[in-house]
PDB file of N, CA and C in Angstrom:
ATOM      1  N   UNK A   1      53.485  34.898  53.839  1.00  0.00           N
ATOM      2  CA  UNK A   1      54.668  34.868  53.013  1.00  0.00           C
ATOM      3  C   UNK A   1      54.638  33.644  52.078  1.00  0.00           C
ATOM      4  N   UNK A   2      54.313  32.465  52.632  1.00  0.00           N
ATOM      5  CA  UNK A   2      54.264  31.247  51.824  1.00  0.00           C
ATOM      6  C   UNK A   2      53.195  31.339  50.742  1.00  0.00           C
ATOM      7  N   UNK A   3      52.042  31.891  51.098  1.00  0.00           N
ATOM      8  CA  UNK A   3      50.959  32.003  50.124  1.00  0.00           C
ATOM      9  C   UNK A   3      51.355  32.943  48.978  1.00  0.00           C
ATOM     10  N   UNK A   4      52.028  34.034  49.308  1.00  0.00           N
ATOM     11  CA  UNK A   4      52.450  34.980  48.284  1.00  0.00           C
ATOM     12  C   UNK A   4      53.480  34.343  47.346  1.00  0.00           C
ATOM     13  N   UNK A   5      54.424  33.598  47.919  1.00  0.00           N
ATOM     14  CA  UNK A   5      55.450  32.949  47.106  1.00  0.00           C
ATOM     15  C   UNK A   5      54.833  31.867  46.223  1.00  0.00           C
ATOM     16  N   UNK A   6      53.932  31.083  46.777  1.00  0.00           N
ATOM     17  CA  UNK A   6      53.308  30.027  45.974  1.00  0.00           C
ATOM     18  C   UNK A   6      52.444  30.638  44.866  1.00  0.00           C
ATOM     19  N   UNK A   7      51.769  31.755  45.129  1.00  0.00           N
ATOM     20  CA  UNK A   7      50.998  32.440  44.091  1.00  0.00           C
ATOM     21  C   UNK A   7      51.911  32.944  42.977  1.00  0.00           C
ATOM     22  N   UNK A   8      53.055  33.507  43.370  1.00  0.00           N
ATOM     23  CA  UNK A   8      54.014  34.002  42.377  1.00  0.00           C
ATOM     24  C   UNK A   8      54.591  32.861  41.545  1.00  0.00           C
ATOM     25  N   UNK A   9      54.863  31.723  42.161  1.00  0.00           N
ATOM     26  CA  UNK A   9      55.366  30.564  41.425  1.00  0.00           C
ATOM     27  C   UNK A   9      54.347  30.096  40.392  1.00  0.00           C
ATOM     28  N   UNK A  10      53.096  30.030  40.798  1.00  0.00           N
ATOM     29  CA  UNK A  10      52.041  29.599  39.885  1.00  0.00           C
ATOM     30  C   UNK A  10      51.892  30.587  38.741  1.00  0.00           C
ATOM     31  N   UNK A  11      51.964  31.891  39.040  1.00  0.00           N
ATOM     32  CA  UNK A  11      51.867  32.899  37.989  1.00  0.00           C
ATOM     33  C   UNK A  11      53.033  32.809  37.016  1.00  0.00           C
ATOM     34  N   UNK A  12      54.245  32.577  37.537  1.00  0.00           N
ATOM     35  CA  UNK A  12      55.417  32.431  36.663  1.00  0.00           C
ATOM     36  C   UNK A  12      55.296  31.183  35.797  1.00  0.00           C
ATOM     37  N   UNK A  13      54.802  30.095  36.377  1.00  0.00           N
ATOM     38  CA  UNK A  13      54.629  28.866  35.627  1.00  0.00           C
ATOM     39  C   UNK A  13      53.608  29.061  34.502  1.00  0.00           C
ATOM     40  N   UNK A  14      52.498  29.714  34.783  1.00  0.00           N
ATOM     41  CA  UNK A  14      51.485  29.964  33.765  1.00  0.00           C
ATOM     42  C   UNK A  14      52.021  30.883  32.667  1.00  0.00           C
ATOM     43  N   UNK A  15      52.810  31.875  33.056  1.00  0.00           N
ATOM     44  CA  UNK A  15      53.392  32.783  32.072  1.00  0.00           C
ATOM     45  C   UNK A  15      54.376  32.045  31.171  1.00  0.00           C
ATOM     46  N   UNK A  16      55.212  31.188  31.755  1.00  0.00           N
ATOM     47  CA  UNK A  16      56.167  30.403  30.974  1.00  0.00           C
ATOM     48  C   UNK A  16      55.445  29.456  30.028  1.00  0.00           C
ATOM     49  N   UNK A  17      54.401  28.834  30.511  1.00  0.00           N
ATOM     50  CA  UNK A  17      53.607  27.938  29.677  1.00  0.00           C
ATOM     51  C   UNK A  17      52.972  28.698  28.519  1.00  0.00           C
ATOM     52  N   UNK A  18      52.506  29.899  28.786  1.00  0.00           N
ATOM     53  CA  UNK A  18      51.905  30.737  27.754  1.00  0.00           C
ATOM     54  C   UNK A  18      52.950  31.181  26.734  1.00  0.00           C
ATOM     55  N   UNK A  19      54.145  31.536  27.192  1.00  0.00           N
ATOM     56  CA  UNK A  19      55.206  31.977  26.288  1.00  0.00           C
ATOM     57  C   UNK A  19      55.686  30.854  25.382  1.00  0.00           C
ATOM     58  N   UNK A  20      55.707  29.637  25.892  1.00  0.00           N
ATOM     59  CA  UNK A  20      56.248  28.507  25.151  1.00  0.00           C
ATOM     60  C   UNK A  20      55.174  27.599  24.556  1.00  0.00           C
ATOM     61  N   UNK A  21      53.951  28.077  24.442  1.00  0.00           N
ATOM     62  CA  UNK A  21      52.871  27.205  23.995  1.00  0.00           C
ATOM     63  C   UNK A  21      53.058  26.692  22.568  1.00  0.00           C
ATOM     64  N   UNK A  22      53.777  27.433  21.733  1.00  0.00           N
ATOM     65  CA  UNK A  22      53.999  26.971  20.368  1.00  0.00           C
ATOM     66  C   UNK A  22      55.249  26.113  20.248  1.00  0.00           C
ATOM     67  N   UNK A  23      56.079  26.070  21.271  1.00  0.00           N
ATOM     68  CA  UNK A  23      57.289  25.269  21.244  1.00  0.00           C
ATOM     69  C   UNK A  23      57.121  23.935  21.953  1.00  0.00           C
ATOM     70  N   UNK A  24      56.277  23.882  22.965  1.00  0.00           N
ATOM     71  CA  UNK A  24      56.064  22.649  23.716  1.00  0.00           C
ATOM     72  C   UNK A  24      55.026  21.814  22.983  1.00  0.00           C
ATOM     73  N   UNK A  25      55.453  20.653  22.490  1.00  0.00           N
ATOM     74  CA  UNK A  25      54.534  19.763  21.783  1.00  0.00           C
ATOM     75  C   UNK A  25      54.590  18.399  22.442  1.00  0.00           C
ATOM     76  N   UNK A  26      53.437  17.870  22.695  1.00  0.00           N
ATOM     77  CA  UNK A  26      53.367  16.544  23.299  1.00  0.00           C
ATOM     78  C   UNK A  26      52.623  15.640  22.335  1.00  0.00           C
ATOM     79  N   UNK A  27      53.365  14.708  21.744  1.00  0.00           N
ATOM     80  CA  UNK A  27      52.770  13.772  20.810  1.00  0.00           C
ATOM     81  C   UNK A  27      52.311  12.544  21.578  1.00  0.00           C
ATOM     82  N   UNK A  28      51.113  12.109  21.290  1.00  0.00           N
ATOM     83  CA  UNK A  28      50.590  10.890  21.922  1.00  0.00           C
ATOM     84  C   UNK A  28      50.983   9.692  21.064  1.00  0.00           C
ATOM     85  N   UNK A  29      52.208   9.235  21.257  1.00  0.00           N
ATOM     86  CA  UNK A  29      52.715   8.109  20.474  1.00  0.00           C
ATOM     87  C   UNK A  29      52.401   6.803  21.185  1.00  0.00           C
ATOM     88  N   UNK A  30      51.998   5.852  20.414  1.00  0.00           N
ATOM     89  CA  UNK A  30      51.683   4.535  20.948  1.00  0.00           C
ATOM     90  C   UNK A  30      52.708   3.534  20.422  1.00  0.00           C
ATOM     91  N   UNK A  31      52.890   2.411  21.100  1.00  0.00           N
ATOM     92  CA  UNK A  31      53.801   1.389  20.575  1.00  0.00           C
ATOM     93  C   UNK A  31      53.404   0.965  19.161  1.00  0.00           C
ATOM     94  N   UNK A  32      54.399   0.637  18.358  1.00  0.00           N
ATOM     95  CA  UNK A  32      54.270   0.234  16.963  1.00  0.00           C
ATOM     96  C   UNK A  32      53.929   1.402  16.038  1.00  0.00           C
ATOM     97  N   UNK A  33      54.067   2.643  16.504  1.00  0.00           N
ATOM     98  CA  UNK A  33      53.864   3.773  15.612  1.00  0.00           C
ATOM     99  C   UNK A  33      55.205   4.166  14.995  1.00  0.00           C
ATOM    100  N   UNK A  34      55.151   4.745  13.817  1.00  0.00           N
ATOM    101  CA  UNK A  34      56.363   5.139  13.106  1.00  0.00           C
ATOM    102  C   UNK A  34      56.791   6.537  13.522  1.00  0.00           C
ATOM    103  N   UNK A  35      58.099   6.713  13.746  1.00  0.00           N
ATOM    104  CA  UNK A  35      58.633   7.998  14.192  1.00  0.00           C
ATOM    105  C   UNK A  35      59.926   8.325  13.446  1.00  0.00           C
ATOM    106  N   UNK A  36      60.292   9.602  13.474  1.00  0.00           N
ATOM    107  CA  UNK A  36      61.584  10.074  12.999  1.00  0.00           C
ATOM    108  C   UNK A  36      62.390  10.544  14.194  1.00  0.00           C
ATOM    109  N   UNK A  37      63.729  10.471  14.081  1.00  0.00           N
ATOM    110  CA  UNK A  37      64.601  10.880  15.184  1.00  0.00           C
ATOM    111  C   UNK A  37      65.504  11.995  14.704  1.00  0.00           C
ATOM    112  N   UNK A  38      65.564  13.079  15.450  1.00  0.00           N
ATOM    113  CA  UNK A  38      66.430  14.193  15.091  1.00  0.00           C
ATOM    114  C   UNK A  38      67.885  13.770  15.247  1.00  0.00           C
ATOM    115  N   UNK A  39      68.688  14.040  14.229  1.00  0.00           N
ATOM    116  CA  UNK A  39      70.091  13.663  14.205  1.00  0.00           C
ATOM    117  C   UNK A  39      70.916  14.752  14.879  1.00  0.00           C
ATOM    118  N   UNK A  40      71.232  14.581  16.162  1.00  0.00           N
ATOM    119  CA  UNK A  40      71.976  15.591  16.904  1.00  0.00           C
ATOM    120  C   UNK A  40      73.473  15.531  16.638  1.00  0.00           C
ATOM    121  N   UNK A  41      73.954  14.470  16.000  1.00  0.00           N
ATOM    122  CA  UNK A  41      75.386  14.335  15.747  1.00  0.00           C
ATOM    123  C   UNK A  41      75.884  15.347  14.725  1.00  0.00           C
ATOM    124  N   UNK A  42      74.993  15.908  13.918  1.00  0.00           N
ATOM    125  CA  UNK A  42      75.429  16.832  12.874  1.00  0.00           C
ATOM    126  C   UNK A  42      75.373  18.292  13.296  1.00  0.00           C
ATOM    127  N   UNK A  43      74.901  18.583  14.486  1.00  0.00           N
ATOM    128  CA  UNK A  43      74.684  19.964  14.904  1.00  0.00           C
ATOM    129  C   UNK A  43      75.957  20.812  14.876  1.00  0.00           C
ATOM    130  N   UNK A  44      77.099  20.239  15.218  1.00  0.00           N
ATOM    131  CA  UNK A  44      78.342  21.007  15.318  1.00  0.00           C
ATOM    132  C   UNK A  44      79.231  20.868  14.081  1.00  0.00           C
ATOM    133  N   UNK A  45      78.791  20.126  13.087  1.00  0.00           N
ATOM    134  CA  UNK A  45      79.602  19.935  11.896  1.00  0.00           C
ATOM    135  C   UNK A  45      79.508  21.137  10.966  1.00  0.00           C
ATOM    136  N   UNK A  46      80.564  21.363  10.218  1.00  0.00           N
ATOM    137  CA  UNK A  46      80.588  22.478   9.281  1.00  0.00           C
ATOM    138  C   UNK A  46      79.724  22.181   8.060  1.00  0.00           C
ATOM    139  N   UNK A  47      79.745  20.944   7.584  1.00  0.00           N
ATOM    140  CA  UNK A  47      78.987  20.583   6.383  1.00  0.00           C
ATOM    141  C   UNK A  47      77.623  19.981   6.712  1.00  0.00           C
ATOM    142  N   UNK A  48      76.958  20.513   7.716  1.00  0.00           N
ATOM    143  CA  UNK A  48      75.692  19.926   8.157  1.00  0.00           C
ATOM    144  C   UNK A  48      74.547  20.150   7.180  1.00  0.00           C
ATOM    145  N   UNK A  49      74.724  21.066   6.223  1.00  0.00           N
ATOM    146  CA  UNK A  49      73.653  21.329   5.259  1.00  0.00           C
ATOM    147  C   UNK A  49      73.359  20.118   4.380  1.00  0.00           C
ATOM    148  N   UNK A  50      74.357  19.282   4.150  1.00  0.00           N
ATOM    149  CA  UNK A  50      74.156  18.138   3.266  1.00  0.00           C
ATOM    150  C   UNK A  50      73.927  16.838   4.030  1.00  0.00           C
ATOM    151  N   UNK A  51      73.922  16.898   5.339  1.00  0.00           N
ATOM    152  CA  UNK A  51      73.703  15.705   6.167  1.00  0.00           C
ATOM    153  C   UNK A  51      72.211  15.549   6.457  1.00  0.00           C
ATOM    154  N   UNK A  52      71.756  14.321   6.697  1.00  0.00           N
ATOM    155  CA  UNK A  52      70.331  14.127   7.019  1.00  0.00           C
ATOM    156  C   UNK A  52      69.986  14.668   8.403  1.00  0.00           C
ATOM    157  N   UNK A  53      68.928  15.449   8.488  1.00  0.00           N
ATOM    158  CA  UNK A  53      68.503  16.010   9.775  1.00  0.00           C
ATOM    159  C   UNK A  53      67.782  15.007  10.642  1.00  0.00           C
ATOM    160  N   UNK A  54      67.068  14.115  10.011  1.00  0.00           N
ATOM    161  CA  UNK A  54      66.295  13.126  10.756  1.00  0.00           C
ATOM    162  C   UNK A  54      66.680  11.725  10.306  1.00  0.00           C
ATOM    163  N   UNK A  55      66.646  10.800  11.236  1.00  0.00           N
ATOM    164  CA  UNK A  55      66.899   9.393  10.960  1.00  0.00           C
ATOM    165  C   UNK A  55      65.571   8.654  11.030  1.00  0.00           C
ATOM    166  N   UNK A  56      65.396   7.692  10.169  1.00  0.00           N
ATOM    167  CA  UNK A  56      64.168   6.927  10.270  1.00  0.00           C
ATOM    168  C   UNK A  56      63.560   6.670   8.924  1.00  0.00           C
ATOM    169  N   UNK A  57      62.370   6.165   8.890  1.00  0.00           N
ATOM    170  CA  UNK A  57      61.425   5.956   9.978  1.00  0.00           C
ATOM    171  C   UNK A  57      61.826   4.767  10.859  1.00  0.00           C
ATOM    172  N   UNK A  58      61.436   4.869  12.107  1.00  0.00           N
ATOM    173  CA  UNK A  58      61.694   3.839  13.108  1.00  0.00           C
ATOM    174  C   UNK A  58      60.353   3.426  13.721  1.00  0.00           C
ATOM    175  N   UNK A  59      60.353   2.276  14.357  1.00  0.00           N
ATOM    176  CA  UNK A  59      59.160   1.775  15.037  1.00  0.00           C
ATOM    177  C   UNK A  59      59.359   1.971  16.533  1.00  0.00           C
ATOM    178  N   UNK A  60      58.379   2.606  17.179  1.00  0.00           N
ATOM    179  CA  UNK A  60      58.472   2.786  18.617  1.00  0.00           C
ATOM    180  C   UNK A  60      58.056   1.498  19.314  1.00  0.00           C
ATOM    181  N   UNK A  61      58.940   1.007  20.174  1.00  0.00           N
ATOM    182  CA  UNK A  61      58.664  -0.224  20.911  1.00  0.00           C
ATOM    183  C   UNK A  61      57.983   0.083  22.231  1.00  0.00           C
ATOM    184  N   UNK A  62      58.577   1.018  22.959  1.00  0.00           N
ATOM    185  CA  UNK A  62      58.089   1.265  24.319  1.00  0.00           C
ATOM    186  C   UNK A  62      58.473   2.667  24.772  1.00  0.00           C
ATOM    187  N   UNK A  63      57.627   3.282  25.577  1.00  0.00           N
ATOM    188  CA  UNK A  63      57.924   4.565  26.207  1.00  0.00           C
ATOM    189  C   UNK A  63      58.267   4.293  27.669  1.00  0.00           C
ATOM    190  N   UNK A  64      59.412   4.787  28.103  1.00  0.00           N
ATOM    191  CA  UNK A  64      59.845   4.564  29.476  1.00  0.00           C
ATOM    192  C   UNK A  64      59.284   5.633  30.396  1.00  0.00           C
ATOM    193  N   UNK A  65      59.419   5.424  31.688  1.00  0.00           N
ATOM    194  CA  UNK A  65      58.811   6.300  32.678  1.00  0.00           C
ATOM    195  C   UNK A  65      59.337   7.737  32.601  1.00  0.00           C
ATOM    196  N   UNK A  66      60.615   7.918  32.304  1.00  0.00           N
ATOM    197  CA  UNK A  66      61.203   9.251  32.253  1.00  0.00           C
ATOM    198  C   UNK A  66      60.919  10.011  30.975  1.00  0.00           C
ATOM    199  N   UNK A  67      60.286   9.371  30.001  1.00  0.00           N
ATOM    200  CA  UNK A  67      59.964  10.027  28.749  1.00  0.00           C
ATOM    201  C   UNK A  67      60.844   9.585  27.600  1.00  0.00           C
ATOM    202  N   UNK A  68      61.795   8.702  27.848  1.00  0.00           N
ATOM    203  CA  UNK A  68      62.647   8.193  26.780  1.00  0.00           C
ATOM    204  C   UNK A  68      61.914   7.078  26.026  1.00  0.00           C
ATOM    205  N   UNK A  69      62.394   6.795  24.816  1.00  0.00           N
ATOM    206  CA  UNK A  69      61.772   5.778  23.988  1.00  0.00           C
ATOM    207  C   UNK A  69      62.774   4.690  23.640  1.00  0.00           C
ATOM    208  N   UNK A  70      62.275   3.477  23.501  1.00  0.00           N
ATOM    209  CA  UNK A  70      63.051   2.380  22.946  1.00  0.00           C
ATOM    210  C   UNK A  70      62.520   2.177  21.538  1.00  0.00           C
ATOM    211  N   UNK A  71      63.432   2.225  20.556  1.00  0.00           N
ATOM    212  CA  UNK A  71      63.033   2.186  19.157  1.00  0.00           C
ATOM    213  C   UNK A  71      63.686   1.014  18.442  1.00  0.00           C
ATOM    214  N   UNK A  72      63.081   0.638  17.321  1.00  0.00           N
ATOM    215  CA  UNK A  72      63.634  -0.406  16.469  1.00  0.00           C
ATOM    216  C   UNK A  72      63.546   0.057  15.022  1.00  0.00           C
ATOM    217  N   UNK A  73      64.453  -0.454  14.214  1.00  0.00           N
ATOM    218  CA  UNK A  73      64.388  -0.163  12.788  1.00  0.00           C
ATOM    219  C   UNK A  73      63.316  -1.039  12.154  1.00  0.00           C
ATOM    220  N   UNK A  74      63.022  -0.788  10.888  1.00  0.00           N
ATOM    221  CA  UNK A  74      61.950  -1.535  10.228  1.00  0.00           C
ATOM    222  C   UNK A  74      62.300  -2.999  10.034  1.00  0.00           C
ATOM    223  N   UNK A  75      63.584  -3.340  10.096  1.00  0.00           N
ATOM    224  CA  UNK A  75      63.981  -4.743   9.961  1.00  0.00           C
ATOM    225  C   UNK A  75      64.081  -5.446  11.318  1.00  0.00           C
ATOM    226  N   UNK A  76      63.459  -4.890  12.344  1.00  0.00           N
ATOM    227  CA  UNK A  76      63.358  -5.421  13.707  1.00  0.00           C
ATOM    228  C   UNK A  76      64.649  -5.340  14.502  1.00  0.00           C
ATOM    229  N   UNK A  77      65.638  -4.597  14.048  1.00  0.00           N
ATOM    230  CA  UNK A  77      66.868  -4.409  14.816  1.00  0.00           C
ATOM    231  C   UNK A  77      66.626  -3.310  15.850  1.00  0.00           C
ATOM    232  N   UNK A  78      66.721  -3.666  17.119  1.00  0.00           N
ATOM    233  CA  UNK A  78      66.435  -2.717  18.197  1.00  0.00           C
ATOM    234  C   UNK A  78      67.663  -1.858  18.450  1.00  0.00           C
ATOM    235  N   UNK A  79      67.439  -0.552  18.597  1.00  0.00           N
ATOM    236  CA  UNK A  79      68.535   0.373  18.899  1.00  0.00           C
ATOM    237  C   UNK A  79      69.052   0.099  20.291  1.00  0.00           C
ATOM    238  N   UNK A  80      70.363   0.187  20.467  1.00  0.00           N
ATOM    239  CA  UNK A  80      70.960  -0.063  21.777  1.00  0.00           C
ATOM    240  C   UNK A  80      70.644   1.044  22.766  1.00  0.00           C
ATOM    241  N   UNK A  81      70.679   2.290  22.315  1.00  0.00           N
ATOM    242  CA  UNK A  81      70.495   3.432  23.208  1.00  0.00           C
ATOM    243  C   UNK A  81      69.039   3.867  23.252  1.00  0.00           C
ATOM    244  N   UNK A  82      68.654   4.413  24.382  1.00  0.00           N
ATOM    245  CA  UNK A  82      67.335   5.007  24.500  1.00  0.00           C
ATOM    246  C   UNK A  82      67.375   6.373  23.825  1.00  0.00           C
ATOM    247  N   UNK A  83      66.229   6.839  23.365  1.00  0.00           N
ATOM    248  CA  UNK A  83      66.145   8.111  22.658  1.00  0.00           C
ATOM    249  C   UNK A  83      65.267   9.052  23.473  1.00  0.00           C
ATOM    250  N   UNK A  84      65.762  10.277  23.689  1.00  0.00           N
ATOM    251  CA  UNK A  84      65.021  11.270  24.471  1.00  0.00           C
ATOM    252  C   UNK A  84      63.771  11.710  23.717  1.00  0.00           C
ATOM    253  N   UNK A  85      62.764  12.103  24.466  1.00  0.00           N
ATOM    254  CA  UNK A  85      61.467  12.446  23.878  1.00  0.00           C
ATOM    255  C   UNK A  85      61.542  13.678  22.983  1.00  0.00           C
ATOM    256  N   UNK A  86      62.447  14.627  23.267  1.00  0.00           N
ATOM    257  CA  UNK A  86      62.502  15.839  22.448  1.00  0.00           C
ATOM    258  C   UNK A  86      63.074  15.566  21.056  1.00  0.00           C
ATOM    259  N   UNK A  87      63.711  14.414  20.861  1.00  0.00           N
ATOM    260  CA  UNK A  87      64.279  14.073  19.555  1.00  0.00           C
ATOM    261  C   UNK A  87      63.286  13.354  18.653  1.00  0.00           C
ATOM    262  N   UNK A  88      62.175  12.905  19.184  1.00  0.00           N
ATOM    263  CA  UNK A  88      61.245  12.043  18.446  1.00  0.00           C
ATOM    264  C   UNK A  88      60.050  12.847  17.955  1.00  0.00           C
ATOM    265  N   UNK A  89      59.746  12.691  16.658  1.00  0.00           N
ATOM    266  CA  UNK A  89      58.534  13.282  16.087  1.00  0.00           C
ATOM    267  C   UNK A  89      57.805  12.188  15.312  1.00  0.00           C
ATOM    268  N   UNK A  90      56.481  12.284  15.194  1.00  0.00           N
ATOM    269  CA  UNK A  90      55.755  11.238  14.458  1.00  0.00           C
ATOM    270  C   UNK A  90      56.068  11.293  12.970  1.00  0.00           C
ATOM    271  N   UNK A  91      56.078  10.143  12.346  1.00  0.00           N
ATOM    272  CA  UNK A  91      56.315  10.025  10.912  1.00  0.00           C
ATOM    273  C   UNK A  91      54.973   9.988  10.218  1.00  0.00           C
ATOM    274  N   UNK A  92      54.727  10.937   9.345  1.00  0.00           N
ATOM    275  CA  UNK A  92      53.465  11.007   8.616  1.00  0.00           C
ATOM    276  C   UNK A  92      53.707  10.470   7.205  1.00  0.00           C
ATOM    277  N   UNK A  93      53.342   9.242   6.982  1.00  0.00           N
ATOM    278  CA  UNK A  93      53.582   8.591   5.696  1.00  0.00           C
ATOM    279  C   UNK A  93      52.481   8.948   4.707  1.00  0.00           C
ATOM    280  N   UNK A  94      52.860   9.115   3.455  1.00  0.00           N
ATOM    281  CA  UNK A  94      51.868   9.371   2.413  1.00  0.00           C
ATOM    282  C   UNK A  94      51.086   8.111   2.092  1.00  0.00           C
ATOM    283  N   UNK A  95      51.798   6.997   2.117  1.00  0.00           N
ATOM    284  CA  UNK A  95      51.166   5.697   1.872  1.00  0.00           C
ATOM    285  C   UNK A  95      51.404   4.816   3.084  1.00  0.00           C
ATOM    286  N   UNK A  96      50.639   3.779   3.190  1.00  0.00           N
ATOM    287  CA  UNK A  96      50.800   2.815   4.280  1.00  0.00           C
ATOM    288  C   UNK A  96      52.132   2.098   4.133  1.00  0.00           C
ATOM    289  N   UNK A  97      52.932   2.101   5.175  1.00  0.00           N
ATOM    290  CA  UNK A  97      54.205   1.392   5.171  1.00  0.00           C
ATOM    291  C   UNK A  97      54.004   0.081   5.912  1.00  0.00           C
ATOM    292  N   UNK A  98      54.283  -1.006   5.226  1.00  0.00           N
ATOM    293  CA  UNK A  98      54.131  -2.305   5.886  1.00  0.00           C
ATOM    294  C   UNK A  98      55.470  -2.710   6.481  1.00  0.00           C
ATOM    295  N   UNK A  99      55.437  -3.162   7.669  1.00  0.00           N
ATOM    296  CA  UNK A  99      56.630  -3.667   8.348  1.00  0.00           C
ATOM    297  C   UNK A  99      56.198  -4.837   9.205  1.00  0.00           C
ATOM    298  N   UNK A 100      57.169  -5.635   9.596  1.00  0.00           N
ATOM    299  CA  UNK A 100      56.870  -6.805  10.402  1.00  0.00           C
ATOM    300  C   UNK A 100      56.486  -6.344  11.803  1.00  0.00           C
ATOM    301  N   UNK A 101      55.240  -6.538  12.175  1.00  0.00           N
ATOM    302  CA  UNK A 101      54.745  -6.034  13.452  1.00  0.00           C
ATOM    303  C   UNK A 101      55.150  -6.895  14.641  1.00  0.00           C
ATOM    304  N   UNK A 102      55.753  -8.025  14.406  1.00  0.00           N
ATOM    305  CA  UNK A 102      56.162  -8.895  15.500  1.00  0.00           C
ATOM    306  C   UNK A 102      57.550  -8.519  15.973  1.00  0.00           C
ATOM    307  N   UNK A 103      57.662  -7.376  16.622  1.00  0.00           N
ATOM    308  CA  UNK A 103      58.944  -6.910  17.140  1.00  0.00           C
ATOM    309  C   UNK A 103      59.137  -7.496  18.517  1.00  0.00           C
ATOM    310  N   UNK A 104      60.286  -8.098  18.733  1.00  0.00           N
ATOM    311  CA  UNK A 104      60.536  -8.747  20.033  1.00  0.00           C
ATOM    312  C   UNK A 104      60.946  -7.756  21.074  1.00  0.00           C
TER     313      UNK A 104
END
């Protein structure tokens, strides 16, 4: 019975992974890389078409154990709140953006 249930769990997990393979993205972000943050505050607003969807670019300071990030703005001001991993995407700059790399 246990073997059958564990086999079924593994099959369901593989099927779910296969179904969501285009939605699940894991970015290998390193500290001091530039990122954008999805603006979730506008999701329920009526005039969200004219609001910015992403905030940033921001500098990633550290990745925490649970998958959250500690971010800072380009002027070295650290955000008070942690940011969930699903909100963060890498920032692909056309040109090199210089910022002060000595973030405390």
